[in-house]
Amino acid sequence: MKLSYLSAGLLLGITTAVASPAEEPKTNLPRAGHYSYGKCNGTSCRSGFSNWKCDYGKCTKQSGGGDGKTCFNLDGKVHCPGKK
């Protein structure tokens, strides 16, 4: 009888240790919900049905961007791939 209590307690302890969540890694990257991705379209970033002026970088081919390159909106600021 004592063995069954011991094994039940041991089993309960193991399942509790396994079920505890792991700590989230510490990174400087923003969460995915803060992003809105788009594609460079001429000199602006097209995200959804709207064209947004680049706040950081440029979408022109001469600056390293170009049509079709990925740009994104992060907290209301549009980041484009080319250099200003």
PDB file of N, CA and C in Angstrom:
ATOM      1  N   MET A   1       0.817  -1.180   0.000  1.00  0.00           N
ATOM      2  CA  MET A   1       0.000   0.000   0.000  1.00  0.00           C
ATOM      3  C   MET A   1       0.868   1.254   0.000  1.00  0.00           C
ATOM      4  N   LYS A   2       1.953   1.218   0.810  1.00  0.00           N
ATOM      5  CA  LYS A   2       2.841   2.378   0.863  1.00  0.00           C
ATOM      6  C   LYS A   2       3.506   2.614  -0.492  1.00  0.00           C
ATOM      7  N   LEU A   3       3.762   1.547  -1.203  1.00  0.00           N
ATOM      8  CA  LEU A   3       4.394   1.675  -2.515  1.00  0.00           C
ATOM      9  C   LEU A   3       3.462   2.384  -3.497  1.00  0.00           C
ATOM     10  N   SER A   4       2.171   2.131  -3.425  1.00  0.00           N
ATOM     11  CA  SER A   4       1.242   2.790  -4.342  1.00  0.00           C
ATOM     12  C   SER A   4       1.125   4.280  -4.022  1.00  0.00           C
ATOM     13  N   TYR A   5       1.158   4.655  -2.727  1.00  0.00           N
ATOM     14  CA  TYR A   5       1.156   6.077  -2.363  1.00  0.00           C
ATOM     15  C   TYR A   5       2.422   6.763  -2.862  1.00  0.00           C
ATOM     16  N   LEU A   6       3.541   6.078  -2.714  1.00  0.00           N
ATOM     17  CA  LEU A   6       4.816   6.630  -3.155  1.00  0.00           C
ATOM     18  C   LEU A   6       4.835   6.808  -4.671  1.00  0.00           C
ATOM     19  N   SER A   7       4.373   5.808  -5.391  1.00  0.00           N
ATOM     20  CA  SER A   7       4.378   5.913  -6.854  1.00  0.00           C
ATOM     21  C   SER A   7       3.375   6.963  -7.334  1.00  0.00           C
ATOM     22  N   ALA A   8       2.227   7.095  -6.660  1.00  0.00           N
ATOM     23  CA  ALA A   8       1.256   8.124  -7.039  1.00  0.00           C
ATOM     24  C   ALA A   8       1.828   9.518  -6.796  1.00  0.00           C
ATOM     25  N   GLY A   9       2.499   9.707  -5.674  1.00  0.00           N
ATOM     26  CA  GLY A   9       3.123  11.003  -5.378  1.00  0.00           C
ATOM     27  C   GLY A   9       4.232  11.334  -6.361  1.00  0.00           C
ATOM     28  N   LEU A  10       5.015  10.345  -6.702  1.00  0.00           N
ATOM     29  CA  LEU A  10       6.100  10.539  -7.663  1.00  0.00           C
ATOM     30  C   LEU A  10       5.548  10.890  -9.045  1.00  0.00           C
ATOM     31  N   LEU A  11       4.507  10.208  -9.455  1.00  0.00           N
ATOM     32  CA  LEU A  11       3.876  10.475 -10.747  1.00  0.00           C
ATOM     33  C   LEU A  11       3.276  11.877 -10.778  1.00  0.00           C
ATOM     34  N   LEU A  12       2.645  12.291  -9.698  1.00  0.00           N
ATOM     35  CA  LEU A  12       2.068  13.630  -9.609  1.00  0.00           C
ATOM     36  C   LEU A  12       3.163  14.699  -9.676  1.00  0.00           C
ATOM     37  N   GLY A  13       4.280  14.463  -9.026  1.00  0.00           N
ATOM     38  CA  GLY A  13       5.396  15.411  -9.057  1.00  0.00           C
ATOM     39  C   GLY A  13       5.997  15.545 -10.444  1.00  0.00           C
ATOM     40  N   ILE A  14       6.105  14.448 -11.155  1.00  0.00           N
ATOM     41  CA  ILE A  14       6.679  14.481 -12.507  1.00  0.00           C
ATOM     42  C   ILE A  14       5.760  15.234 -13.465  1.00  0.00           C
ATOM     43  N   THR A  15       4.455  14.977 -13.404  1.00  0.00           N
ATOM     44  CA  THR A  15       3.538  15.656 -14.324  1.00  0.00           C
ATOM     45  C   THR A  15       3.461  17.146 -14.039  1.00  0.00           C
ATOM     46  N   THR A  16       3.603  17.544 -12.789  1.00  0.00           N
ATOM     47  CA  THR A  16       3.602  18.967 -12.455  1.00  0.00           C
ATOM     48  C   THR A  16       4.848  19.645 -13.000  1.00  0.00           C
ATOM     49  N   ALA A  17       5.987  18.993 -12.908  1.00  0.00           N
ATOM     50  CA  ALA A  17       7.232  19.571 -13.409  1.00  0.00           C
ATOM     51  C   ALA A  17       7.214  19.674 -14.930  1.00  0.00           C
ATOM     52  N   VAL A  18       6.647  18.713 -15.597  1.00  0.00           N
ATOM     53  CA  VAL A  18       6.597  18.717 -17.053  1.00  0.00           C
ATOM     54  C   VAL A  18       5.614  19.772 -17.558  1.00  0.00           C
ATOM     55  N   ALA A  19       4.527  20.002 -16.839  1.00  0.00           N
ATOM     56  CA  ALA A  19       3.486  20.913 -17.300  1.00  0.00           C
ATOM     57  C   ALA A  19       3.815  22.380 -17.068  1.00  0.00           C
ATOM     58  N   SER A  20       4.845  22.684 -16.298  1.00  0.00           N
ATOM     59  CA  SER A  20       5.162  24.090 -16.038  1.00  0.00           C
ATOM     60  C   SER A  20       5.704  24.734 -17.311  1.00  0.00           C
ATOM     61  N   PRO A  21       5.249  25.943 -17.652  1.00  0.00           N
ATOM     62  CA  PRO A  21       5.661  26.582 -18.909  1.00  0.00           C
ATOM     63  C   PRO A  21       7.114  27.044 -18.871  1.00  0.00           C
ATOM     64  N   ALA A  22       7.729  27.036 -20.026  1.00  0.00           N
ATOM     65  CA  ALA A  22       9.107  27.507 -20.141  1.00  0.00           C
ATOM     66  C   ALA A  22       9.118  29.031 -20.180  1.00  0.00           C
ATOM     67  N   GLU A  23      10.201  29.610 -19.743  1.00  0.00           N
ATOM     68  CA  GLU A  23      10.325  31.067 -19.761  1.00  0.00           C
ATOM     69  C   GLU A  23      10.480  31.548 -21.198  1.00  0.00           C
ATOM     70  N   GLU A  24       9.836  32.657 -21.522  1.00  0.00           N
ATOM     71  CA  GLU A  24       9.915  33.213 -22.867  1.00  0.00           C
ATOM     72  C   GLU A  24      11.319  33.777 -23.090  1.00  0.00           C
ATOM     73  N   PRO A  25      11.913  33.528 -24.264  1.00  0.00           N
ATOM     74  CA  PRO A  25      13.264  34.035 -24.505  1.00  0.00           C
ATOM     75  C   PRO A  25      13.305  35.560 -24.508  1.00  0.00           C
ATOM     76  N   LYS A  26      14.392  36.099 -24.026  1.00  0.00           N
ATOM     77  CA  LYS A  26      14.545  37.550 -23.953  1.00  0.00           C
ATOM     78  C   LYS A  26      15.185  38.042 -25.252  1.00  0.00           C
ATOM     79  N   THR A  27      14.386  38.685 -26.094  1.00  0.00           N
ATOM     80  CA  THR A  27      14.891  39.232 -27.348  1.00  0.00           C
ATOM     81  C   THR A  27      14.436  40.668 -27.483  1.00  0.00           C
ATOM     82  N   ASN A  28      15.099  41.400 -28.338  1.00  0.00           N
ATOM     83  CA  ASN A  28      14.722  42.783 -28.605  1.00  0.00           C
ATOM     84  C   ASN A  28      13.745  42.895 -29.767  1.00  0.00           C
ATOM     85  N   LEU A  29      13.365  41.776 -30.344  1.00  0.00           N
ATOM     86  CA  LEU A  29      12.457  41.797 -31.483  1.00  0.00           C
ATOM     87  C   LEU A  29      11.036  42.076 -31.018  1.00  0.00           C
ATOM     88  N   PRO A  30      10.296  42.870 -31.769  1.00  0.00           N
ATOM     89  CA  PRO A  30       8.901  43.125 -31.403  1.00  0.00           C
ATOM     90  C   PRO A  30       8.045  41.893 -31.660  1.00  0.00           C
ATOM     91  N   ARG A  31       6.924  41.823 -30.984  1.00  0.00           N
ATOM     92  CA  ARG A  31       6.007  40.708 -31.206  1.00  0.00           C
ATOM     93  C   ARG A  31       5.423  40.809 -32.610  1.00  0.00           C
ATOM     94  N   ALA A  32       4.971  39.690 -33.122  1.00  0.00           N
ATOM     95  CA  ALA A  32       4.451  39.647 -34.491  1.00  0.00           C
ATOM     96  C   ALA A  32       3.231  40.541 -34.683  1.00  0.00           C
ATOM     97  N   GLY A  33       2.464  40.774 -33.641  1.00  0.00           N
ATOM     98  CA  GLY A  33       1.263  41.583 -33.762  1.00  0.00           C
ATOM     99  C   GLY A  33       1.531  43.043 -34.046  1.00  0.00           C
ATOM    100  N   HIS A  34       2.762  43.504 -33.829  1.00  0.00           N
ATOM    101  CA  HIS A  34       3.094  44.908 -34.050  1.00  0.00           C
ATOM    102  C   HIS A  34       3.429  45.205 -35.505  1.00  0.00           C
ATOM    103  N   TYR A  35       3.626  44.184 -36.304  1.00  0.00           N
ATOM    104  CA  TYR A  35       4.048  44.344 -37.687  1.00  0.00           C
ATOM    105  C   TYR A  35       2.872  44.351 -38.647  1.00  0.00           C
ATOM    106  N   SER A  36       3.038  45.075 -39.736  1.00  0.00           N
ATOM    107  CA  SER A  36       2.142  45.000 -40.883  1.00  0.00           C
ATOM    108  C   SER A  36       3.051  44.995 -42.105  1.00  0.00           C
ATOM    109  N   TYR A  37       3.139  43.853 -42.792  1.00  0.00           N
ATOM    110  CA  TYR A  37       4.055  43.716 -43.917  1.00  0.00           C
ATOM    111  C   TYR A  37       3.443  44.235 -45.205  1.00  0.00           C
ATOM    112  N   GLY A  38       4.309  44.676 -46.108  1.00  0.00           N
ATOM    113  CA  GLY A  38       3.879  45.129 -47.416  1.00  0.00           C
ATOM    114  C   GLY A  38       4.988  44.924 -48.429  1.00  0.00           C
ATOM    115  N   LYS A  39       4.783  45.448 -49.620  1.00  0.00           N
ATOM    116  CA  LYS A  39       5.773  45.368 -50.703  1.00  0.00           C
ATOM    117  C   LYS A  39       6.032  46.762 -51.231  1.00  0.00           C
ATOM    118  N   CYS A  40       7.283  47.016 -51.616  1.00  0.00           N
ATOM    119  CA  CYS A  40       7.620  48.297 -52.221  1.00  0.00           C
ATOM    120  C   CYS A  40       6.863  48.442 -53.535  1.00  0.00           C
ATOM    121  N   ASN A  41       6.316  49.640 -53.741  1.00  0.00           N
ATOM    122  CA  ASN A  41       5.526  49.939 -54.930  1.00  0.00           C
ATOM    123  C   ASN A  41       5.918  51.345 -55.383  1.00  0.00           C
ATOM    124  N   GLY A  42       6.901  51.423 -56.261  1.00  0.00           N
ATOM    125  CA  GLY A  42       7.405  52.738 -56.684  1.00  0.00           C
ATOM    126  C   GLY A  42       8.248  53.351 -55.579  1.00  0.00           C
ATOM    127  N   THR A  43       7.801  54.460 -55.016  1.00  0.00           N
ATOM    128  CA  THR A  43       8.557  55.116 -53.939  1.00  0.00           C
ATOM    129  C   THR A  43       7.893  54.924 -52.581  1.00  0.00           C
ATOM    130  N   SER A  44       6.854  54.093 -52.505  1.00  0.00           N
ATOM    131  CA  SER A  44       6.125  53.908 -51.248  1.00  0.00           C
ATOM    132  C   SER A  44       5.964  52.420 -50.936  1.00  0.00           C
ATOM    133  N   CYS A  45       5.440  52.151 -49.749  1.00  0.00           N
ATOM    134  CA  CYS A  45       5.208  50.781 -49.290  1.00  0.00           C
ATOM    135  C   CYS A  45       3.713  50.487 -49.380  1.00  0.00           C
ATOM    136  N   ARG A  46       3.360  49.481 -50.165  1.00  0.00           N
ATOM    137  CA  ARG A  46       1.941  49.119 -50.299  1.00  0.00           C
ATOM    138  C   ARG A  46       1.631  48.015 -49.300  1.00  0.00           C
ATOM    139  N   SER A  47       0.774  48.353 -48.335  1.00  0.00           N
ATOM    140  CA  SER A  47       0.347  47.407 -47.311  1.00  0.00           C
ATOM    141  C   SER A  47      -1.174  47.366 -47.328  1.00  0.00           C
ATOM    142  N   GLY A  48      -1.731  46.212 -47.636  1.00  0.00           N
ATOM    143  CA  GLY A  48      -3.182  46.104 -47.785  1.00  0.00           C
ATOM    144  C   GLY A  48      -3.616  46.818 -49.047  1.00  0.00           C
ATOM    145  N   PHE A  49      -4.535  47.768 -48.921  1.00  0.00           N
ATOM    146  CA  PHE A  49      -5.007  48.527 -50.075  1.00  0.00           C
ATOM    147  C   PHE A  49      -4.477  49.954 -50.071  1.00  0.00           C
ATOM    148  N   SER A  50      -3.482  50.248 -49.237  1.00  0.00           N
ATOM    149  CA  SER A  50      -2.976  51.619 -49.113  1.00  0.00           C
ATOM    150  C   SER A  50      -1.487  51.687 -49.400  1.00  0.00           C
ATOM    151  N   ASN A  51      -1.056  52.817 -49.951  1.00  0.00           N
ATOM    152  CA  ASN A  51       0.365  53.107 -50.126  1.00  0.00           C
ATOM    153  C   ASN A  51       0.800  54.035 -49.003  1.00  0.00           C
ATOM    154  N   TRP A  52       1.903  53.692 -48.351  1.00  0.00           N
ATOM    155  CA  TRP A  52       2.412  54.477 -47.232  1.00  0.00           C
ATOM    156  C   TRP A  52       3.783  55.037 -47.572  1.00  0.00           C
ATOM    157  N   LYS A  53       4.016  56.300 -47.228  1.00  0.00           N
ATOM    158  CA  LYS A  53       5.315  56.944 -47.426  1.00  0.00           C
ATOM    159  C   LYS A  53       6.328  56.313 -46.466  1.00  0.00           C
ATOM    160  N   CYS A  54       7.542  56.069 -46.952  1.00  0.00           N
ATOM    161  CA  CYS A  54       8.588  55.474 -46.119  1.00  0.00           C
ATOM    162  C   CYS A  54       9.079  56.486 -45.084  1.00  0.00           C
ATOM    163  N   ASP A  55       9.064  56.099 -43.806  1.00  0.00           N
ATOM    164  CA  ASP A  55       9.630  56.932 -42.744  1.00  0.00           C
ATOM    165  C   ASP A  55      11.122  56.650 -42.576  1.00  0.00           C
ATOM    166  N   TYR A  56      11.512  55.399 -42.755  1.00  0.00           N
ATOM    167  CA  TYR A  56      12.914  54.988 -42.654  1.00  0.00           C
ATOM    168  C   TYR A  56      13.272  54.242 -43.929  1.00  0.00           C
ATOM    169  N   GLY A  57      14.356  54.640 -44.584  1.00  0.00           N
ATOM    170  CA  GLY A  57      14.777  53.998 -45.818  1.00  0.00           C
ATOM    171  C   GLY A  57      13.971  54.485 -47.011  1.00  0.00           C
ATOM    172  N   LYS A  58      14.205  53.838 -48.155  1.00  0.00           N
ATOM    173  CA  LYS A  58      13.511  54.177 -49.397  1.00  0.00           C
ATOM    174  C   LYS A  58      13.115  52.901 -50.119  1.00  0.00           C
ATOM    175  N   CYS A  59      12.171  53.026 -51.026  1.00  0.00           N
ATOM    176  CA  CYS A  59      11.735  51.888 -51.843  1.00  0.00           C
ATOM    177  C   CYS A  59      12.247  51.974 -53.278  1.00  0.00           C
ATOM    178  N   THR A  60      13.084  52.954 -53.595  1.00  0.00           N
ATOM    179  CA  THR A  60      13.571  53.083 -54.969  1.00  0.00           C
ATOM    180  C   THR A  60      14.687  52.080 -55.237  1.00  0.00           C
ATOM    181  N   LYS A  61      14.801  51.653 -56.488  1.00  0.00           N
ATOM    182  CA  LYS A  61      15.818  50.676 -56.869  1.00  0.00           C
ATOM    183  C   LYS A  61      17.231  51.230 -56.669  1.00  0.00           C
ATOM    184  N   GLN A  62      17.418  52.536 -56.909  1.00  0.00           N
ATOM    185  CA  GLN A  62      18.732  53.158 -56.777  1.00  0.00           C
ATOM    186  C   GLN A  62      19.236  53.125 -55.329  1.00  0.00           C
ATOM    187  N   SER A  63      18.333  53.120 -54.367  1.00  0.00           N
ATOM    188  CA  SER A  63      18.741  53.131 -52.961  1.00  0.00           C
ATOM    189  C   SER A  63      18.911  51.727 -52.396  1.00  0.00           C
ATOM    190  N   GLY A  64      18.599  50.710 -53.177  1.00  0.00           N
ATOM    191  CA  GLY A  64      18.723  49.332 -52.711  1.00  0.00           C
ATOM    192  C   GLY A  64      17.383  48.662 -52.462  1.00  0.00           C
ATOM    193  N   GLY A  65      16.303  49.400 -52.650  1.00  0.00           N
ATOM    194  CA  GLY A  65      14.956  48.829 -52.498  1.00  0.00           C
ATOM    195  C   GLY A  65      14.488  48.272 -53.823  1.00  0.00           C
ATOM    196  N   GLY A  66      13.393  48.763 -54.314  1.00  0.00           N
ATOM    197  CA  GLY A  66      12.873  48.325 -55.606  1.00  0.00           C
ATOM    198  C   GLY A  66      11.516  47.670 -55.469  1.00  0.00           C
ATOM    199  N   ASP A  67      10.769  47.678 -56.565  1.00  0.00           N
ATOM    200  CA  ASP A  67       9.425  47.096 -56.562  1.00  0.00           C
ATOM    201  C   ASP A  67       9.459  45.635 -56.123  1.00  0.00           C
ATOM    202  N   GLY A  68       8.540  45.281 -55.228  1.00  0.00           N
ATOM    203  CA  GLY A  68       8.419  43.900 -54.775  1.00  0.00           C
ATOM    204  C   GLY A  68       9.220  43.566 -53.537  1.00  0.00           C
ATOM    205  N   LYS A  69      10.152  44.426 -53.129  1.00  0.00           N
ATOM    206  CA  LYS A  69      10.923  44.157 -51.913  1.00  0.00           C
ATOM    207  C   LYS A  69      10.013  44.326 -50.698  1.00  0.00           C
ATOM    208  N   THR A  70      10.304  43.600 -49.635  1.00  0.00           N
ATOM    209  CA  THR A  70       9.466  43.642 -48.441  1.00  0.00           C
ATOM    210  C   THR A  70       9.738  44.891 -47.617  1.00  0.00           C
ATOM    211  N   CYS A  71       8.669  45.562 -47.217  1.00  0.00           N
ATOM    212  CA  CYS A  71       8.737  46.692 -46.297  1.00  0.00           C
ATOM    213  C   CYS A  71       7.730  46.403 -45.185  1.00  0.00           C
ATOM    214  N   PHE A  72       7.801  47.128 -44.090  1.00  0.00           N
ATOM    215  CA  PHE A  72       6.865  46.854 -43.004  1.00  0.00           C
ATOM    216  C   PHE A  72       6.537  48.103 -42.217  1.00  0.00           C
ATOM    217  N   ASN A  73       5.390  48.068 -41.579  1.00  0.00           N
ATOM    218  CA  ASN A  73       4.913  49.141 -40.723  1.00  0.00           C
ATOM    219  C   ASN A  73       5.050  48.652 -39.288  1.00  0.00           C
ATOM    220  N   LEU A  74       5.826  49.354 -38.494  1.00  0.00           N
ATOM    221  CA  LEU A  74       6.043  48.989 -37.097  1.00  0.00           C
ATOM    222  C   LEU A  74       5.596  50.147 -36.229  1.00  0.00           C
ATOM    223  N   ASP A  75       4.486  49.974 -35.535  1.00  0.00           N
ATOM    224  CA  ASP A  75       3.934  51.002 -34.642  1.00  0.00           C
ATOM    225  C   ASP A  75       3.726  52.340 -35.350  1.00  0.00           C
ATOM    226  N   GLY A  76       3.224  52.304 -36.579  1.00  0.00           N
ATOM    227  CA  GLY A  76       2.909  53.532 -37.302  1.00  0.00           C
ATOM    228  C   GLY A  76       4.067  54.131 -38.074  1.00  0.00           C
ATOM    229  N   LYS A  77       5.252  53.562 -38.002  1.00  0.00           N
ATOM    230  CA  LYS A  77       6.417  54.023 -38.760  1.00  0.00           C
ATOM    231  C   LYS A  77       6.723  52.995 -39.841  1.00  0.00           C
ATOM    232  N   VAL A  78       6.816  53.460 -41.086  1.00  0.00           N
ATOM    233  CA  VAL A  78       7.042  52.562 -42.220  1.00  0.00           C
ATOM    234  C   VAL A  78       8.538  52.438 -42.476  1.00  0.00           C
ATOM    235  N   HIS A  79       9.024  51.188 -42.452  1.00  0.00           N
ATOM    236  CA  HIS A  79      10.437  50.876 -42.670  1.00  0.00           C
ATOM    237  C   HIS A  79      10.589  50.263 -44.058  1.00  0.00           C
ATOM    238  N   CYS A  80      11.413  50.892 -44.888  1.00  0.00           N
ATOM    239  CA  CYS A  80      11.648  50.426 -46.252  1.00  0.00           C
ATOM    240  C   CYS A  80      13.086  49.928 -46.363  1.00  0.00           C
ATOM    241  N   PRO A  81      13.372  49.009 -47.308  1.00  0.00           N
ATOM    242  CA  PRO A  81      14.670  48.342 -47.343  1.00  0.00           C
ATOM    243  C   PRO A  81      15.848  49.185 -47.839  1.00  0.00           C
ATOM    244  N   GLY A  82      15.623  50.210 -48.642  1.00  0.00           N
ATOM    245  CA  GLY A  82      16.731  50.989 -49.207  1.00  0.00           C
ATOM    246  C   GLY A  82      17.319  51.993 -48.232  1.00  0.00           C
ATOM    247  N   LYS A  83      18.483  52.516 -48.580  1.00  0.00           N
ATOM    248  CA  LYS A  83      19.152  53.529 -47.758  1.00  0.00           C
ATOM    249  C   LYS A  83      18.657  54.909 -48.153  1.00  0.00           C
ATOM    250  N   LYS A  84      18.540  55.809 -47.189  1.00  0.00           N
ATOM    251  CA  LYS A  84      18.109  57.194 -47.467  1.00  0.00           C
ATOM    252  C   LYS A  84      19.252  58.018 -47.951  1.00  0.00           C
TER     253      LYS A  84
END
